[in-house]
Amino acid sequence: MAAAALRAQLNAHIAGMYTDGVVDEDMFEELPDEGTAVEVSRLFIYEASKIIDDIVILMEEPEVDFDEVEALTQQLMRCTSSVGAQQVNLACMHFGNFYAIQYKHGCLVSLALVRNEFYIVRHELEIMMQLEEQIAACGPNS
């Protein structure tokens, strides 16, 4: 596929991410250089995956350390701001309502929502990164 067609597909995909609320347009468009969005997206996916996995491990313990869960959730919320993943952030706030009262069942249910919202963002960012890679493979003069 020609680079111009790939760029059009990429632009449409990014516009769709804004429309669907996957990422915040104002935050995402502040990423200045070409390639920065890809690098920030990769870092977000790596960090958020690790944090979510750590939260899951804590929630599986018989005695949950809710203070540690809170600290990790706050870290995840800071991480989501790098790409403007507002739906993940909102799910984290919902999750916070349950760990604040140390209600494990509520935490588990809302943690599933956090994970689902993260998976949506990750999937959309991975598509964006693949399109960016395909454009780069076309060469600089395309």
Protein backbone atom coordinates (compact mmCIF):
# COMPACT_ATOMS: atom_id res chain seq x y z
CA MET A 1 0.00 0.00 0.00
CA ALA A 2 1.38 3.44 -0.88
CA ALA A 3 2.57 5.71 1.89
CA ALA A 4 -0.12 8.30 1.13
CA ALA A 5 -2.86 5.70 1.54
CA LEU A 6 -1.28 4.47 4.76
CA ARG A 7 -1.06 8.03 6.08
CA ALA A 8 -4.74 8.54 5.28
CA GLN A 9 -5.57 5.29 7.07
CA LEU A 10 -3.43 6.36 10.04
CA ASN A 11 -5.09 9.77 10.22
CA ALA A 12 -8.53 8.17 10.06
CA HIS A 13 -7.56 5.71 12.79
CA ILE A 14 -6.28 8.47 15.07
CA ALA A 15 -9.42 10.54 14.42
CA GLY A 16 -11.48 7.49 15.35
CA MET A 17 -9.51 7.10 18.58
CA TYR A 18 -10.42 10.70 19.44
CA THR A 19 -14.07 10.25 18.48
CA ASP A 20 -14.39 7.02 20.47
CA GLY A 21 -12.67 8.57 23.51
CA VAL A 22 -9.81 6.07 23.45
CA VAL A 23 -7.29 8.90 23.82
CA ASP A 24 -7.74 12.57 24.58
CA GLU A 25 -7.13 14.66 21.47
CA ASP A 26 -5.61 17.59 23.33
CA MET A 27 -3.14 15.37 25.21
CA PHE A 28 -2.24 13.16 22.26
CA GLU A 29 -1.70 16.03 19.83
CA GLU A 30 0.72 17.67 22.26
CA LEU A 31 3.24 14.94 21.46
CA PRO A 32 5.54 17.10 19.35
CA ASP A 33 7.69 15.04 16.98
CA GLU A 34 6.88 12.33 14.51
CA GLY A 35 7.59 9.06 16.24
CA THR A 36 7.01 10.51 19.71
CA ALA A 37 3.45 9.21 19.84
CA VAL A 38 4.72 5.73 19.00
CA GLU A 39 7.42 5.85 21.66
CA VAL A 40 5.06 7.22 24.32
CA SER A 41 2.49 4.60 23.33
CA ARG A 42 5.02 1.77 23.66
CA LEU A 43 6.10 3.04 27.05
CA PHE A 44 2.48 3.41 28.18
CA ILE A 45 1.62 -0.14 27.09
CA TYR A 46 4.67 -1.58 28.85
CA GLU A 47 4.23 0.37 32.09
CA ALA A 48 0.45 0.01 32.32
CA SER A 49 0.64 -3.74 31.64
CA LYS A 50 3.19 -4.18 34.41
CA ILE A 51 1.20 -2.09 36.89
CA ILE A 52 -2.05 -3.91 36.13
CA ASP A 53 -0.31 -7.28 36.50
CA ASP A 54 1.07 -6.15 39.88
CA ILE A 55 -2.41 -5.06 41.01
CA VAL A 56 -3.86 -8.41 39.92
CA ILE A 57 -1.21 -10.25 41.95
CA LEU A 58 -2.01 -8.15 45.03
CA MET A 59 -5.75 -8.72 44.60
CA GLU A 60 -5.21 -12.49 44.47
CA GLU A 61 -3.63 -12.50 47.93
CA PRO A 62 -5.81 -13.78 50.80
CA GLU A 63 -5.06 -10.55 52.70
CA VAL A 64 -4.98 -7.66 50.25
CA ASP A 65 -2.61 -4.75 50.95
CA PHE A 66 -5.06 -2.03 49.94
CA ASP A 67 -2.47 0.70 50.54
CA GLU A 68 -0.20 -0.91 47.94
CA VAL A 69 -3.17 -1.36 45.59
CA GLU A 70 -3.92 2.35 45.98
CA ALA A 71 -0.30 3.33 45.31
CA LEU A 72 -0.19 1.21 42.16
CA THR A 73 -3.53 2.55 40.97
CA GLN A 74 -2.31 6.12 41.41
CA GLN A 75 0.80 5.18 39.41
CA LEU A 76 -1.44 3.71 36.68
CA MET A 77 -3.50 6.89 36.57
CA ARG A 78 -0.34 8.98 36.09
CA CYS A 79 0.73 6.56 33.36
CA THR A 80 -2.60 6.89 31.54
CA SER A 81 -2.19 10.65 31.39
CA SER A 82 0.80 10.21 29.05
CA VAL A 83 -1.56 9.21 26.23
CA GLY A 84 -4.76 10.76 27.54
CA ALA A 85 -6.44 7.39 28.14
CA GLN A 86 -9.39 8.92 29.98
CA GLN A 87 -11.56 5.79 30.03
CA VAL A 88 -8.79 3.86 31.78
CA ASN A 89 -8.43 6.74 34.21
CA LEU A 90 -12.19 6.77 34.91
CA ALA A 91 -12.16 3.01 35.46
CA CYS A 92 -9.28 3.48 37.93
CA MET A 93 -11.33 6.06 39.83
CA HIS A 94 -14.24 3.59 39.99
CA PHE A 95 -11.81 0.92 41.20
CA GLY A 96 -10.61 3.38 43.83
CA ASN A 97 -14.09 3.59 45.32
CA PHE A 98 -13.82 -0.09 46.25
CA TYR A 99 -10.25 -0.24 47.54
CA ALA A 100 -10.98 2.85 49.64
CA ILE A 101 -13.56 0.82 51.58
CA GLN A 102 -11.46 -2.35 51.27
CA TYR A 103 -14.21 -4.28 49.51
CA LYS A 104 -12.34 -7.03 47.70
CA HIS A 105 -15.24 -8.33 45.58
CA GLY A 106 -16.02 -4.81 44.33
CA CYS A 107 -12.33 -4.34 43.58
CA LEU A 108 -12.20 -7.52 41.52
CA VAL A 109 -15.24 -6.55 39.48
CA SER A 110 -14.01 -3.01 38.83
CA LEU A 111 -10.47 -4.24 38.15
CA ALA A 112 -11.94 -6.23 35.27
CA LEU A 113 -13.27 -2.92 33.90
CA VAL A 114 -9.82 -1.30 34.28
CA ARG A 115 -8.25 -4.19 32.37
CA ASN A 116 -10.90 -4.08 29.65
CA GLU A 117 -10.47 -0.33 29.12
CA PHE A 118 -6.69 -0.79 29.02
CA TYR A 119 -7.01 -3.58 26.44
CA ILE A 120 -9.10 -1.31 24.22
CA VAL A 121 -6.50 1.47 24.39
CA ARG A 122 -3.63 -0.96 23.89
CA HIS A 123 -5.30 -2.48 20.82
CA GLU A 124 -5.94 0.91 19.21
CA LEU A 125 -2.41 2.14 19.96
CA GLU A 126 -0.93 -1.07 18.53
CA ILE A 127 -2.86 -0.50 15.29
CA MET A 128 -1.51 3.06 15.17
CA MET A 129 2.04 1.82 15.76
CA GLN A 130 1.72 -0.81 13.02
CA LEU A 131 0.54 1.82 10.55
CA GLU A 132 3.44 4.09 11.55
CA GLU A 133 5.87 1.20 10.96
CA GLN A 134 4.35 0.47 7.55
CA ILE A 135 4.68 4.14 6.60
CA ALA A 136 8.30 4.20 7.73
CA ALA A 137 8.99 1.04 5.71
CA CYS A 138 7.86 2.88 2.58
CA GLY A 139 10.92 5.10 2.88
CA PRO A 140 11.48 8.79 3.47
CA ASN A 141 10.55 9.90 -0.05
CA SER A 142 7.14 8.21 -0.11
